[in-house]
């Protein structure tokens, strides 16, 4: 079980049916999410960038840099998501530094995958 999932597994979260758009590319990003149950697709206009599962955060980039969303997030299956506001995110970073480290690991993993995909294109 991921560190991030273990932090939030006892929370209720919000339920979403399959096919629900959580946010769209270009939207303002003042909330990030952690998947408690289900799968979420991160999409751009020409397809799916990545499919995420339980314990994985998404939407963190816009929360960190205050830039618009670079992808859309759509539930692939019924999901239960935990939303984290900017204030909550900053509190988590302050109170539980390993949360910040886990988010950085996720971002590094995605960047490595994008670099590998760009190198093979």
PDB file of N, CA and C in Angstrom:
ATOM      1  N   UNK A   1       0.846  -1.183   0.000  1.00  0.00           N
ATOM      2  CA  UNK A   1       0.000   0.000   0.000  1.00  0.00           C
ATOM      3  C   UNK A   1       0.886   1.240   0.000  1.00  0.00           C
ATOM      4  N   UNK A   2       0.505   2.210  -0.804  1.00  0.00           N
ATOM      5  CA  UNK A   2       1.324   3.416  -0.884  1.00  0.00           C
ATOM      6  C   UNK A   2       1.216   4.236   0.400  1.00  0.00           C
ATOM      7  N   UNK A   3       2.258   5.007   0.655  1.00  0.00           N
ATOM      8  CA  UNK A   3       2.270   5.887   1.829  1.00  0.00           C
ATOM      9  C   UNK A   3       1.109   6.866   1.750  1.00  0.00           C
ATOM     10  N   UNK A   4       0.882   7.411   0.564  1.00  0.00           N
ATOM     11  CA  UNK A   4      -0.187   8.402   0.409  1.00  0.00           C
ATOM     12  C   UNK A   4      -1.545   7.762   0.681  1.00  0.00           C
ATOM     13  N   UNK A   5      -1.788   6.572   0.127  1.00  0.00           N
ATOM     14  CA  UNK A   5      -3.066   5.898   0.359  1.00  0.00           C
ATOM     15  C   UNK A   5      -3.255   5.599   1.840  1.00  0.00           C
ATOM     16  N   UNK A   6      -2.217   5.154   2.515  1.00  0.00           N
ATOM     17  CA  UNK A   6      -2.343   4.829   3.941  1.00  0.00           C
ATOM     18  C   UNK A   6      -2.700   6.060   4.773  1.00  0.00           C
ATOM     19  N   UNK A   7      -2.314   7.246   4.301  1.00  0.00           N
ATOM     20  CA  UNK A   7      -2.640   8.470   5.026  1.00  0.00           C
ATOM     21  C   UNK A   7      -4.128   8.799   4.945  1.00  0.00           C
ATOM     22  N   UNK A   8      -4.772   8.409   3.835  1.00  0.00           N
ATOM     23  CA  UNK A   8      -6.142   8.858   3.582  1.00  0.00           C
ATOM     24  C   UNK A   8      -7.181   7.752   3.514  1.00  0.00           C
ATOM     25  N   UNK A   9      -6.768   6.482   3.631  1.00  0.00           N
ATOM     26  CA  UNK A   9      -7.697   5.380   3.406  1.00  0.00           C
ATOM     27  C   UNK A   9      -8.910   5.407   4.327  1.00  0.00           C
ATOM     28  N   UNK A  10      -8.783   5.948   5.518  1.00  0.00           N
ATOM     29  CA  UNK A  10      -9.907   5.979   6.458  1.00  0.00           C
ATOM     30  C   UNK A  10     -10.875   7.129   6.175  1.00  0.00           C
ATOM     31  N   UNK A  11     -10.520   8.034   5.284  1.00  0.00           N
ATOM     32  CA  UNK A  11     -11.400   9.163   4.986  1.00  0.00           C
ATOM     33  C   UNK A  11     -12.524   8.719   4.062  1.00  0.00           C
ATOM     34  N   UNK A  12     -13.615   9.424   4.125  1.00  0.00           N
ATOM     35  CA  UNK A  12     -14.779   9.097   3.313  1.00  0.00           C
ATOM     36  C   UNK A  12     -14.530   9.399   1.838  1.00  0.00           C
ATOM     37  N   UNK A  13     -13.986  10.569   1.536  1.00  0.00           N
ATOM     38  CA  UNK A  13     -13.796  10.961   0.146  1.00  0.00           C
ATOM     39  C   UNK A  13     -15.128  11.186  -0.548  1.00  0.00           C
ATOM     40  N   UNK A  14     -15.069  11.421  -1.849  1.00  0.00           N
ATOM     41  CA  UNK A  14     -16.284  11.585  -2.642  1.00  0.00           C
ATOM     42  C   UNK A  14     -16.315  10.510  -3.711  1.00  0.00           C
ATOM     43  N   UNK A  15     -17.516  10.034  -4.005  1.00  0.00           N
ATOM     44  CA  UNK A  15     -17.691   8.972  -5.000  1.00  0.00           C
ATOM     45  C   UNK A  15     -18.050   9.587  -6.350  1.00  0.00           C
ATOM     46  N   UNK A  16     -17.510   8.983  -7.400  1.00  0.00           N
ATOM     47  CA  UNK A  16     -17.758   9.443  -8.767  1.00  0.00           C
ATOM     48  C   UNK A  16     -18.002   8.228  -9.649  1.00  0.00           C
ATOM     49  N   UNK A  17     -18.978   8.333 -10.530  1.00  0.00           N
ATOM     50  CA  UNK A  17     -19.259   7.261 -11.487  1.00  0.00           C
ATOM     51  C   UNK A  17     -18.200   7.241 -12.578  1.00  0.00           C
ATOM     52  N   UNK A  18     -18.074   6.125 -13.269  1.00  0.00           N
ATOM     53  CA  UNK A  18     -17.158   6.033 -14.410  1.00  0.00           C
ATOM     54  C   UNK A  18     -17.559   7.069 -15.457  1.00  0.00           C
ATOM     55  N   UNK A  19     -16.570   7.681 -16.088  1.00  0.00           N
ATOM     56  CA  UNK A  19     -16.824   8.676 -17.123  1.00  0.00           C
ATOM     57  C   UNK A  19     -17.013  10.092 -16.619  1.00  0.00           C
ATOM     58  N   UNK A  20     -16.836  10.315 -15.329  1.00  0.00           N
ATOM     59  CA  UNK A  20     -16.984  11.652 -14.752  1.00  0.00           C
ATOM     60  C   UNK A  20     -15.709  12.464 -14.981  1.00  0.00           C
ATOM     61  N   UNK A  21     -15.858  13.674 -15.511  1.00  0.00           N
ATOM     62  CA  UNK A  21     -14.716  14.573 -15.667  1.00  0.00           C
ATOM     63  C   UNK A  21     -14.476  15.274 -14.336  1.00  0.00           C
ATOM     64  N   UNK A  22     -13.308  15.043 -13.760  1.00  0.00           N
ATOM     65  CA  UNK A  22     -12.947  15.659 -12.482  1.00  0.00           C
ATOM     66  C   UNK A  22     -12.460  17.084 -12.725  1.00  0.00           C
ATOM     67  N   UNK A  23     -11.624  17.259 -13.742  1.00  0.00           N
ATOM     68  CA  UNK A  23     -11.244  18.589 -14.212  1.00  0.00           C
ATOM     69  C   UNK A  23     -10.829  18.473 -15.671  1.00  0.00           C
ATOM     70  N   UNK A  24     -10.832  19.624 -16.350  1.00  0.00           N
ATOM     71  CA  UNK A  24     -10.490  19.669 -17.770  1.00  0.00           C
ATOM     72  C   UNK A  24      -9.206  20.447 -18.001  1.00  0.00           C
ATOM     73  N   UNK A  25      -8.533  20.103 -19.077  1.00  0.00           N
ATOM     74  CA  UNK A  25      -7.322  20.821 -19.474  1.00  0.00           C
ATOM     75  C   UNK A  25      -7.649  22.308 -19.590  1.00  0.00           C
ATOM     76  N   UNK A  26      -6.799  23.148 -19.008  1.00  0.00           N
ATOM     77  CA  UNK A  26      -7.006  24.593 -19.039  1.00  0.00           C
ATOM     78  C   UNK A  26      -7.721  25.148 -17.819  1.00  0.00           C
ATOM     79  N   UNK A  27      -8.342  24.273 -17.018  1.00  0.00           N
ATOM     80  CA  UNK A  27      -9.010  24.731 -15.793  1.00  0.00           C
ATOM     81  C   UNK A  27      -7.986  25.263 -14.793  1.00  0.00           C
ATOM     82  N   UNK A  28      -8.447  26.173 -13.942  1.00  0.00           N
ATOM     83  CA  UNK A  28      -7.618  26.602 -12.811  1.00  0.00           C
ATOM     84  C   UNK A  28      -7.461  25.412 -11.873  1.00  0.00           C
ATOM     85  N   UNK A  29      -6.321  25.345 -11.208  1.00  0.00           N
ATOM     86  CA  UNK A  29      -6.057  24.182 -10.364  1.00  0.00           C
ATOM     87  C   UNK A  29      -5.783  24.535  -8.926  1.00  0.00           C
ATOM     88  N   UNK A  30      -6.822  24.580  -8.105  1.00  0.00           N
ATOM     89  CA  UNK A  30      -6.619  24.899  -6.694  1.00  0.00           C
ATOM     90  C   UNK A  30      -6.894  23.705  -5.778  1.00  0.00           C
ATOM     91  N   UNK A  31      -7.077  22.524  -6.383  1.00  0.00           N
ATOM     92  CA  UNK A  31      -7.306  21.295  -5.624  1.00  0.00           C
ATOM     93  C   UNK A  31      -6.534  20.167  -6.296  1.00  0.00           C
ATOM     94  N   UNK A  32      -5.931  19.298  -5.493  1.00  0.00           N
ATOM     95  CA  UNK A  32      -5.365  18.054  -6.011  1.00  0.00           C
ATOM     96  C   UNK A  32      -6.191  16.910  -5.438  1.00  0.00           C
ATOM     97  N   UNK A  33      -5.991  15.735  -5.961  1.00  0.00           N
ATOM     98  CA  UNK A  33      -6.788  14.577  -5.563  1.00  0.00           C
ATOM     99  C   UNK A  33      -5.890  13.383  -5.284  1.00  0.00           C
ATOM    100  N   UNK A  34      -6.373  12.496  -4.427  1.00  0.00           N
ATOM    101  CA  UNK A  34      -5.750  11.198  -4.197  1.00  0.00           C
ATOM    102  C   UNK A  34      -6.829  10.154  -4.469  1.00  0.00           C
ATOM    103  N   UNK A  35      -6.488   9.149  -5.259  1.00  0.00           N
ATOM    104  CA  UNK A  35      -7.440   8.086  -5.572  1.00  0.00           C
ATOM    105  C   UNK A  35      -7.466   7.106  -4.402  1.00  0.00           C
ATOM    106  N   UNK A  36      -8.639   6.937  -3.815  1.00  0.00           N
ATOM    107  CA  UNK A  36      -8.814   5.978  -2.726  1.00  0.00           C
ATOM    108  C   UNK A  36      -9.277   4.630  -3.273  1.00  0.00           C
ATOM    109  N   UNK A  37     -10.132   4.664  -4.298  1.00  0.00           N
ATOM    110  CA  UNK A  37     -10.622   3.461  -4.978  1.00  0.00           C
ATOM    111  C   UNK A  37     -10.850   3.810  -6.436  1.00  0.00           C
ATOM    112  N   UNK A  38     -10.590   2.852  -7.327  1.00  0.00           N
ATOM    113  CA  UNK A  38     -10.893   3.036  -8.737  1.00  0.00           C
ATOM    114  C   UNK A  38      -9.702   3.492  -9.557  1.00  0.00           C
ATOM    115  N   UNK A  39     -10.008   3.900 -10.803  1.00  0.00           N
ATOM    116  CA  UNK A  39      -8.972   4.349 -11.732  1.00  0.00           C
ATOM    117  C   UNK A  39      -9.394   5.649 -12.404  1.00  0.00           C
ATOM    118  N   UNK A  40      -8.399   6.497 -12.669  1.00  0.00           N
ATOM    119  CA  UNK A  40      -8.610   7.786 -13.331  1.00  0.00           C
ATOM    120  C   UNK A  40      -7.655   7.877 -14.510  1.00  0.00           C
ATOM    121  N   UNK A  41      -8.187   8.307 -15.668  1.00  0.00           N
ATOM    122  CA  UNK A  41      -7.353   8.555 -16.843  1.00  0.00           C
ATOM    123  C   UNK A  41      -6.965  10.023 -16.886  1.00  0.00           C
ATOM    124  N   UNK A  42      -5.685  10.287 -17.119  1.00  0.00           N
ATOM    125  CA  UNK A  42      -5.224  11.638 -17.422  1.00  0.00           C
ATOM    126  C   UNK A  42      -5.160  11.716 -18.936  1.00  0.00           C
ATOM    127  N   UNK A  43      -5.894  12.682 -19.517  1.00  0.00           N
ATOM    128  CA  UNK A  43      -6.053  12.751 -20.965  1.00  0.00           C
ATOM    129  C   UNK A  43      -5.609  14.093 -21.524  1.00  0.00           C
ATOM    130  N   UNK A  44      -5.070  14.027 -22.724  1.00  0.00           N
ATOM    131  CA  UNK A  44      -4.875  15.222 -23.535  1.00  0.00           C
ATOM    132  C   UNK A  44      -5.676  14.990 -24.805  1.00  0.00           C
ATOM    133  N   UNK A  45      -5.677  15.942 -25.700  1.00  0.00           N
ATOM    134  CA  UNK A  45      -6.559  15.867 -26.859  1.00  0.00           C
ATOM    135  C   UNK A  45      -6.361  14.619 -27.702  1.00  0.00           C
ATOM    136  N   UNK A  46      -5.145  14.112 -27.807  1.00  0.00           N
ATOM    137  CA  UNK A  46      -4.913  12.962 -28.678  1.00  0.00           C
ATOM    138  C   UNK A  46      -4.829  11.634 -27.941  1.00  0.00           C
ATOM    139  N   UNK A  47      -5.293  11.562 -26.719  1.00  0.00           N
ATOM    140  CA  UNK A  47      -5.330  10.269 -26.056  1.00  0.00           C
ATOM    141  C   UNK A  47      -5.043  10.307 -24.574  1.00  0.00           C
ATOM    142  N   UNK A  48      -4.876   9.106 -24.023  1.00  0.00           N
ATOM    143  CA  UNK A  48      -4.643   8.932 -22.594  1.00  0.00           C
ATOM    144  C   UNK A  48      -3.148   9.007 -22.310  1.00  0.00           C
ATOM    145  N   UNK A  49      -2.775   9.916 -21.429  1.00  0.00           N
ATOM    146  CA  UNK A  49      -1.380  10.023 -20.991  1.00  0.00           C
ATOM    147  C   UNK A  49      -1.028   8.908 -20.024  1.00  0.00           C
ATOM    148  N   UNK A  50      -1.949   8.649 -19.088  1.00  0.00           N
ATOM    149  CA  UNK A  50      -1.662   7.705 -18.018  1.00  0.00           C
ATOM    150  C   UNK A  50      -2.969   7.315 -17.340  1.00  0.00           C
ATOM    151  N   UNK A  51      -3.020   6.085 -16.858  1.00  0.00           N
ATOM    152  CA  UNK A  51      -4.135   5.626 -16.032  1.00  0.00           C
ATOM    153  C   UNK A  51      -3.599   5.429 -14.620  1.00  0.00           C
ATOM    154  N   UNK A  52      -4.266   6.065 -13.663  1.00  0.00           N
ATOM    155  CA  UNK A  52      -3.826   6.046 -12.265  1.00  0.00           C
ATOM    156  C   UNK A  52      -4.758   5.196 -11.420  1.00  0.00           C
ATOM    157  N   UNK A  53      -4.220   4.663 -10.318  1.00  0.00           N
ATOM    158  CA  UNK A  53      -5.012   3.822  -9.427  1.00  0.00           C
ATOM    159  C   UNK A  53      -4.898   4.248  -7.979  1.00  0.00           C
ATOM    160  N   UNK A  54      -5.406   3.411  -7.072  1.00  0.00           N
ATOM    161  CA  UNK A  54      -5.439   3.754  -5.647  1.00  0.00           C
ATOM    162  C   UNK A  54      -4.076   4.174  -5.098  1.00  0.00           C
ATOM    163  N   UNK A  55      -4.112   5.260  -4.323  1.00  0.00           N
ATOM    164  CA  UNK A  55      -2.906   5.792  -3.699  1.00  0.00           C
ATOM    165  C   UNK A  55      -2.187   6.822  -4.532  1.00  0.00           C
ATOM    166  N   UNK A  56      -2.596   6.971  -5.792  1.00  0.00           N
ATOM    167  CA  UNK A  56      -1.884   7.918  -6.656  1.00  0.00           C
ATOM    168  C   UNK A  56      -2.548   9.291  -6.624  1.00  0.00           C
ATOM    169  N   UNK A  57      -1.737  10.323  -6.447  1.00  0.00           N
ATOM    170  CA  UNK A  57      -2.256  11.690  -6.492  1.00  0.00           C
ATOM    171  C   UNK A  57      -2.296  12.191  -7.933  1.00  0.00           C
ATOM    172  N   UNK A  58      -3.168  13.149  -8.189  1.00  0.00           N
ATOM    173  CA  UNK A  58      -3.165  13.833  -9.481  1.00  0.00           C
ATOM    174  C   UNK A  58      -3.689  15.246  -9.279  1.00  0.00           C
ATOM    175  N   UNK A  59      -3.315  16.124 -10.207  1.00  0.00           N
ATOM    176  CA  UNK A  59      -3.698  17.523 -10.090  1.00  0.00           C
ATOM    177  C   UNK A  59      -2.747  18.341  -9.243  1.00  0.00           C
ATOM    178  N   UNK A  60      -1.643  17.727  -8.827  1.00  0.00           N
ATOM    179  CA  UNK A  60      -0.707  18.406  -7.919  1.00  0.00           C
ATOM    180  C   UNK A  60       0.091  19.502  -8.607  1.00  0.00           C
ATOM    181  N   UNK A  61       0.356  19.354  -9.906  1.00  0.00           N
ATOM    182  CA  UNK A  61       1.185  20.357 -10.592  1.00  0.00           C
ATOM    183  C   UNK A  61       0.549  21.738 -10.537  1.00  0.00           C
ATOM    184  N   UNK A  62      -0.741  21.821 -10.871  1.00  0.00           N
ATOM    185  CA  UNK A  62      -1.417  23.120 -10.865  1.00  0.00           C
ATOM    186  C   UNK A  62      -1.552  23.685  -9.462  1.00  0.00           C
ATOM    187  N   UNK A  63      -1.661  22.804  -8.490  1.00  0.00           N
ATOM    188  CA  UNK A  63      -1.727  23.258  -7.098  1.00  0.00           C
ATOM    189  C   UNK A  63      -0.401  23.885  -6.684  1.00  0.00           C
ATOM    190  N   UNK A  64       0.691  23.319  -7.170  1.00  0.00           N
ATOM    191  CA  UNK A  64       2.025  23.794  -6.797  1.00  0.00           C
ATOM    192  C   UNK A  64       2.416  25.062  -7.551  1.00  0.00           C
ATOM    193  N   UNK A  65       2.169  25.092  -8.882  1.00  0.00           N
ATOM    194  CA  UNK A  65       2.667  26.231  -9.669  1.00  0.00           C
ATOM    195  C   UNK A  65       1.598  27.247 -10.074  1.00  0.00           C
ATOM    196  N   UNK A  66       0.346  27.033  -9.677  1.00  0.00           N
ATOM    197  CA  UNK A  66      -0.761  27.962  -9.954  1.00  0.00           C
ATOM    198  C   UNK A  66      -1.001  28.186 -11.443  1.00  0.00           C
ATOM    199  N   UNK A  67      -0.577  27.257 -12.266  1.00  0.00           N
ATOM    200  CA  UNK A  67      -0.823  27.325 -13.710  1.00  0.00           C
ATOM    201  C   UNK A  67      -2.060  26.485 -14.041  1.00  0.00           C
ATOM    202  N   UNK A  68      -2.684  26.730 -15.213  1.00  0.00           N
ATOM    203  CA  UNK A  68      -3.852  25.923 -15.600  1.00  0.00           C
ATOM    204  C   UNK A  68      -3.500  24.440 -15.744  1.00  0.00           C
ATOM    205  N   UNK A  69      -4.508  23.605 -15.637  1.00  0.00           N
ATOM    206  CA  UNK A  69      -4.334  22.159 -15.798  1.00  0.00           C
ATOM    207  C   UNK A  69      -3.780  21.852 -17.187  1.00  0.00           C
ATOM    208  N   UNK A  70      -2.829  20.924 -17.260  1.00  0.00           N
ATOM    209  CA  UNK A  70      -2.227  20.551 -18.545  1.00  0.00           C
ATOM    210  C   UNK A  70      -2.911  19.337 -19.160  1.00  0.00           C
ATOM    211  N   UNK A  71      -3.770  18.680 -18.403  1.00  0.00           N
ATOM    212  CA  UNK A  71      -4.496  17.507 -18.892  1.00  0.00           C
ATOM    213  C   UNK A  71      -5.876  17.494 -18.243  1.00  0.00           C
ATOM    214  N   UNK A  72      -6.741  16.667 -18.795  1.00  0.00           N
ATOM    215  CA  UNK A  72      -8.048  16.426 -18.186  1.00  0.00           C
ATOM    216  C   UNK A  72      -7.970  15.149 -17.368  1.00  0.00           C
ATOM    217  N   UNK A  73      -8.764  15.065 -16.318  1.00  0.00           N
ATOM    218  CA  UNK A  73      -8.842  13.857 -15.495  1.00  0.00           C
ATOM    219  C   UNK A  73     -10.269  13.329 -15.565  1.00  0.00           C
ATOM    220  N   UNK A  74     -10.400  12.078 -16.023  1.00  0.00           N
ATOM    221  CA  UNK A  74     -11.711  11.459 -16.209  1.00  0.00           C
ATOM    222  C   UNK A  74     -11.692  10.088 -15.538  1.00  0.00           C
ATOM    223  N   UNK A  75     -12.713   9.794 -14.749  1.00  0.00           N
ATOM    224  CA  UNK A  75     -12.761   8.498 -14.074  1.00  0.00           C
ATOM    225  C   UNK A  75     -12.956   7.381 -15.094  1.00  0.00           C
ATOM    226  N   UNK A  76     -12.116   6.373 -15.030  1.00  0.00           N
ATOM    227  CA  UNK A  76     -12.224   5.203 -15.914  1.00  0.00           C
ATOM    228  C   UNK A  76     -13.221   4.201 -15.328  1.00  0.00           C
ATOM    229  N   UNK A  77     -13.217   4.097 -14.006  1.00  0.00           N
ATOM    230  CA  UNK A  77     -14.104   3.195 -13.270  1.00  0.00           C
ATOM    231  C   UNK A  77     -14.786   4.018 -12.180  1.00  0.00           C
ATOM    232  N   UNK A  78     -15.793   3.459 -11.517  1.00  0.00           N
ATOM    233  CA  UNK A  78     -16.310   4.172 -10.346  1.00  0.00           C
ATOM    234  C   UNK A  78     -15.151   4.425  -9.375  1.00  0.00           C
ATOM    235  N   UNK A  79     -15.117   5.613  -8.806  1.00  0.00           N
ATOM    236  CA  UNK A  79     -13.980   6.025  -7.972  1.00  0.00           C
ATOM    237  C   UNK A  79     -14.433   6.642  -6.664  1.00  0.00           C
ATOM    238  N   UNK A  80     -13.520   6.590  -5.717  1.00  0.00           N
ATOM    239  CA  UNK A  80     -13.640   7.363  -4.480  1.00  0.00           C
ATOM    240  C   UNK A  80     -12.374   8.190  -4.396  1.00  0.00           C
ATOM    241  N   UNK A  81     -12.538   9.513  -4.344  1.00  0.00           N
ATOM    242  CA  UNK A  81     -11.408  10.439  -4.375  1.00  0.00           C
ATOM    243  C   UNK A  81     -11.387  11.308  -3.127  1.00  0.00           C
ATOM    244  N   UNK A  82     -10.180  11.600  -2.677  1.00  0.00           N
ATOM    245  CA  UNK A  82      -9.962  12.562  -1.595  1.00  0.00           C
ATOM    246  C   UNK A  82      -9.458  13.843  -2.242  1.00  0.00           C
ATOM    247  N   UNK A  83     -10.131  14.958  -1.991  1.00  0.00           N
ATOM    248  CA  UNK A  83      -9.655  16.237  -2.517  1.00  0.00           C
ATOM    249  C   UNK A  83      -8.827  16.939  -1.448  1.00  0.00           C
ATOM    250  N   UNK A  84      -7.781  17.624  -1.909  1.00  0.00           N
ATOM    251  CA  UNK A  84      -6.864  18.329  -1.013  1.00  0.00           C
ATOM    252  C   UNK A  84      -6.707  19.753  -1.536  1.00  0.00           C
ATOM    253  N   UNK A  85      -7.109  20.719  -0.720  1.00  0.00           N
ATOM    254  CA  UNK A  85      -6.983  22.120  -1.108  1.00  0.00           C
ATOM    255  C   UNK A  85      -5.529  22.571  -0.959  1.00  0.00           C
ATOM    256  N   UNK A  86      -5.241  23.744  -1.484  1.00  0.00           N
ATOM    257  CA  UNK A  86      -3.888  24.284  -1.357  1.00  0.00           C
ATOM    258  C   UNK A  86      -3.492  24.437   0.115  1.00  0.00           C
ATOM    259  N   UNK A  87      -4.393  24.930   0.939  1.00  0.00           N
ATOM    260  CA  UNK A  87      -4.100  25.101   2.369  1.00  0.00           C
ATOM    261  C   UNK A  87      -3.819  23.746   3.029  1.00  0.00           C
ATOM    262  N   UNK A  88      -4.651  22.757   2.728  1.00  0.00           N
ATOM    263  CA  UNK A  88      -4.438  21.415   3.279  1.00  0.00           C
ATOM    264  C   UNK A  88      -3.110  20.833   2.796  1.00  0.00           C
ATOM    265  N   UNK A  89      -2.791  21.061   1.525  1.00  0.00           N
ATOM    266  CA  UNK A  89      -1.533  20.577   0.958  1.00  0.00           C
ATOM    267  C   UNK A  89      -0.346  21.174   1.715  1.00  0.00           C
ATOM    268  N   UNK A  90      -0.372  22.485   1.928  1.00  0.00           N
ATOM    269  CA  UNK A  90       0.715  23.148   2.651  1.00  0.00           C
ATOM    270  C   UNK A  90       0.814  22.644   4.088  1.00  0.00           C
ATOM    271  N   UNK A  91      -0.336  22.422   4.725  1.00  0.00           N
ATOM    272  CA  UNK A  91      -0.329  21.868   6.085  1.00  0.00           C
ATOM    273  C   UNK A  91       0.263  20.459   6.099  1.00  0.00           C
ATOM    274  N   UNK A  92      -0.106  19.640   5.112  1.00  0.00           N
ATOM    275  CA  UNK A  92       0.438  18.280   5.029  1.00  0.00           C
ATOM    276  C   UNK A  92       1.949  18.299   4.843  1.00  0.00           C
ATOM    277  N   UNK A  93       2.433  19.184   3.973  1.00  0.00           N
ATOM    278  CA  UNK A  93       3.874  19.299   3.741  1.00  0.00           C
ATOM    279  C   UNK A  93       4.584  19.690   5.046  1.00  0.00           C
ATOM    280  N   UNK A  94       3.982  20.616   5.768  1.00  0.00           N
ATOM    281  CA  UNK A  94       4.581  21.088   7.022  1.00  0.00           C
ATOM    282  C   UNK A  94       4.545  20.014   8.107  1.00  0.00           C
ATOM    283  N   UNK A  95       3.377  19.385   8.275  1.00  0.00           N
ATOM    284  CA  UNK A  95       3.184  18.442   9.381  1.00  0.00           C
ATOM    285  C   UNK A  95       3.740  17.044   9.105  1.00  0.00           C
ATOM    286  N   UNK A  96       3.728  16.632   7.846  1.00  0.00           N
ATOM    287  CA  UNK A  96       4.193  15.284   7.475  1.00  0.00           C
ATOM    288  C   UNK A  96       5.076  15.386   6.233  1.00  0.00           C
ATOM    289  N   UNK A  97       6.335  15.754   6.417  1.00  0.00           N
ATOM    290  CA  UNK A  97       7.226  15.974   5.274  1.00  0.00           C
ATOM    291  C   UNK A  97       7.309  14.798   4.305  1.00  0.00           C
ATOM    292  N   UNK A  98       7.121  13.568   4.787  1.00  0.00           N
ATOM    293  CA  UNK A  98       7.190  12.441   3.859  1.00  0.00           C
ATOM    294  C   UNK A  98       6.064  12.481   2.842  1.00  0.00           C
ATOM    295  N   UNK A  99       4.952  13.160   3.147  1.00  0.00           N
ATOM    296  CA  UNK A  99       3.891  13.337   2.154  1.00  0.00           C
ATOM    297  C   UNK A  99       4.439  14.112   0.961  1.00  0.00           C
ATOM    298  N   UNK A 100       5.157  15.195   1.235  1.00  0.00           N
ATOM    299  CA  UNK A 100       5.766  15.984   0.162  1.00  0.00           C
ATOM    300  C   UNK A 100       6.759  15.172  -0.641  1.00  0.00           C
ATOM    301  N   UNK A 101       7.545  14.348   0.037  1.00  0.00           N
ATOM    302  CA  UNK A 101       8.506  13.488  -0.646  1.00  0.00           C
ATOM    303  C   UNK A 101       7.790  12.493  -1.556  1.00  0.00           C
ATOM    304  N   UNK A 102       6.688  11.929  -1.092  1.00  0.00           N
ATOM    305  CA  UNK A 102       5.934  10.978  -1.913  1.00  0.00           C
ATOM    306  C   UNK A 102       5.355  11.661  -3.154  1.00  0.00           C
ATOM    307  N   UNK A 103       4.851  12.882  -2.999  1.00  0.00           N
ATOM    308  CA  UNK A 103       4.333  13.623  -4.151  1.00  0.00           C
ATOM    309  C   UNK A 103       5.468  13.904  -5.136  1.00  0.00           C
ATOM    310  N   UNK A 104       6.641  14.273  -4.630  1.00  0.00           N
ATOM    311  CA  UNK A 104       7.794  14.509  -5.518  1.00  0.00           C
ATOM    312  C   UNK A 104       8.194  13.231  -6.246  1.00  0.00           C
ATOM    313  N   UNK A 105       8.126  12.090  -5.577  1.00  0.00           N
ATOM    314  CA  UNK A 105       8.454  10.820  -6.227  1.00  0.00           C
ATOM    315  C   UNK A 105       7.494  10.539  -7.380  1.00  0.00           C
ATOM    316  N   UNK A 106       6.210  10.805  -7.156  1.00  0.00           N
ATOM    317  CA  UNK A 106       5.211  10.609  -8.211  1.00  0.00           C
ATOM    318  C   UNK A 106       5.520  11.519  -9.398  1.00  0.00           C
ATOM    319  N   UNK A 107       5.826  12.787  -9.115  1.00  0.00           N
ATOM    320  CA  UNK A 107       6.135  13.733 -10.194  1.00  0.00           C
ATOM    321  C   UNK A 107       7.399  13.317 -10.943  1.00  0.00           C
ATOM    322  N   UNK A 108       8.414  12.848 -10.229  1.00  0.00           N
ATOM    323  CA  UNK A 108       9.656  12.401 -10.871  1.00  0.00           C
ATOM    324  C   UNK A 108       9.396  11.187 -11.755  1.00  0.00           C
ATOM    325  N   UNK A 109       8.585  10.248 -11.270  1.00  0.00           N
ATOM    326  CA  UNK A 109       8.251   9.054 -12.054  1.00  0.00           C
ATOM    327  C   UNK A 109       7.552   9.443 -13.354  1.00  0.00           C
ATOM    328  N   UNK A 110       6.609  10.379 -13.273  1.00  0.00           N
ATOM    329  CA  UNK A 110       5.886  10.819 -14.476  1.00  0.00           C
ATOM    330  C   UNK A 110       6.826  11.531 -15.443  1.00  0.00           C
ATOM    331  N   UNK A 111       7.723  12.360 -14.929  1.00  0.00           N
ATOM    332  CA  UNK A 111       8.671  13.070 -15.784  1.00  0.00           C
ATOM    333  C   UNK A 111       9.603  12.088 -16.488  1.00  0.00           C
ATOM    334  N   UNK A 112      10.084  11.091 -15.768  1.00  0.00           N
ATOM    335  CA  UNK A 112      10.944  10.069 -16.385  1.00  0.00           C
ATOM    336  C   UNK A 112      10.203   9.331 -17.500  1.00  0.00           C
ATOM    337  N   UNK A 113       8.942   8.979 -17.248  1.00  0.00           N
ATOM    338  CA  UNK A 113       8.148   8.283 -18.257  1.00  0.00           C
ATOM    339  C   UNK A 113       7.948   9.164 -19.491  1.00  0.00           C
ATOM    340  N   UNK A 114       7.663  10.446 -19.279  1.00  0.00           N
ATOM    341  CA  UNK A 114       7.482  11.364 -20.408  1.00  0.00           C
ATOM    342  C   UNK A 114       8.773  11.506 -21.195  1.00  0.00           C
ATOM    343  N   UNK A 115       9.907  11.604 -20.499  1.00  0.00           N
ATOM    344  CA  UNK A 115      11.201  11.704 -21.181  1.00  0.00           C
ATOM    345  C   UNK A 115      11.491  10.446 -21.985  1.00  0.00           C
ATOM    346  N   UNK A 116      11.192   9.288 -21.419  1.00  0.00           N
ATOM    347  CA  UNK A 116      11.412   8.029 -22.132  1.00  0.00           C
ATOM    348  C   UNK A 116      10.522   7.949 -23.366  1.00  0.00           C
ATOM    349  N   UNK A 117       9.273   8.379 -23.233  1.00  0.00           N
ATOM    350  CA  UNK A 117       8.358   8.366 -24.377  1.00  0.00           C
ATOM    351  C   UNK A 117       8.807   9.342 -25.455  1.00  0.00           C
ATOM    352  N   UNK A 118       9.307  10.504 -25.054  1.00  0.00           N
ATOM    353  CA  UNK A 118       9.794  11.489 -26.026  1.00  0.00           C
ATOM    354  C   UNK A 118      11.032  10.967 -26.744  1.00  0.00           C
ATOM    355  N   UNK A 119      11.872  10.237 -26.032  1.00  0.00           N
ATOM    356  CA  UNK A 119      13.083   9.686 -26.630  1.00  0.00           C
ATOM    357  C   UNK A 119      12.808   8.574 -27.616  1.00  0.00           C
ATOM    358  N   UNK A 120      11.676   7.882 -27.454  1.00  0.00           N
ATOM    359  CA  UNK A 120      11.349   6.782 -28.360  1.00  0.00           C
ATOM    360  C   UNK A 120      10.459   7.225 -29.508  1.00  0.00           C
ATOM    361  N   UNK A 121      10.037   8.484 -29.497  1.00  0.00           N
ATOM    362  CA  UNK A 121       9.147   8.982 -30.566  1.00  0.00           C
ATOM    363  C   UNK A 121       9.922   9.407 -31.787  1.00  0.00           C
TER     364      UNK A 121
END
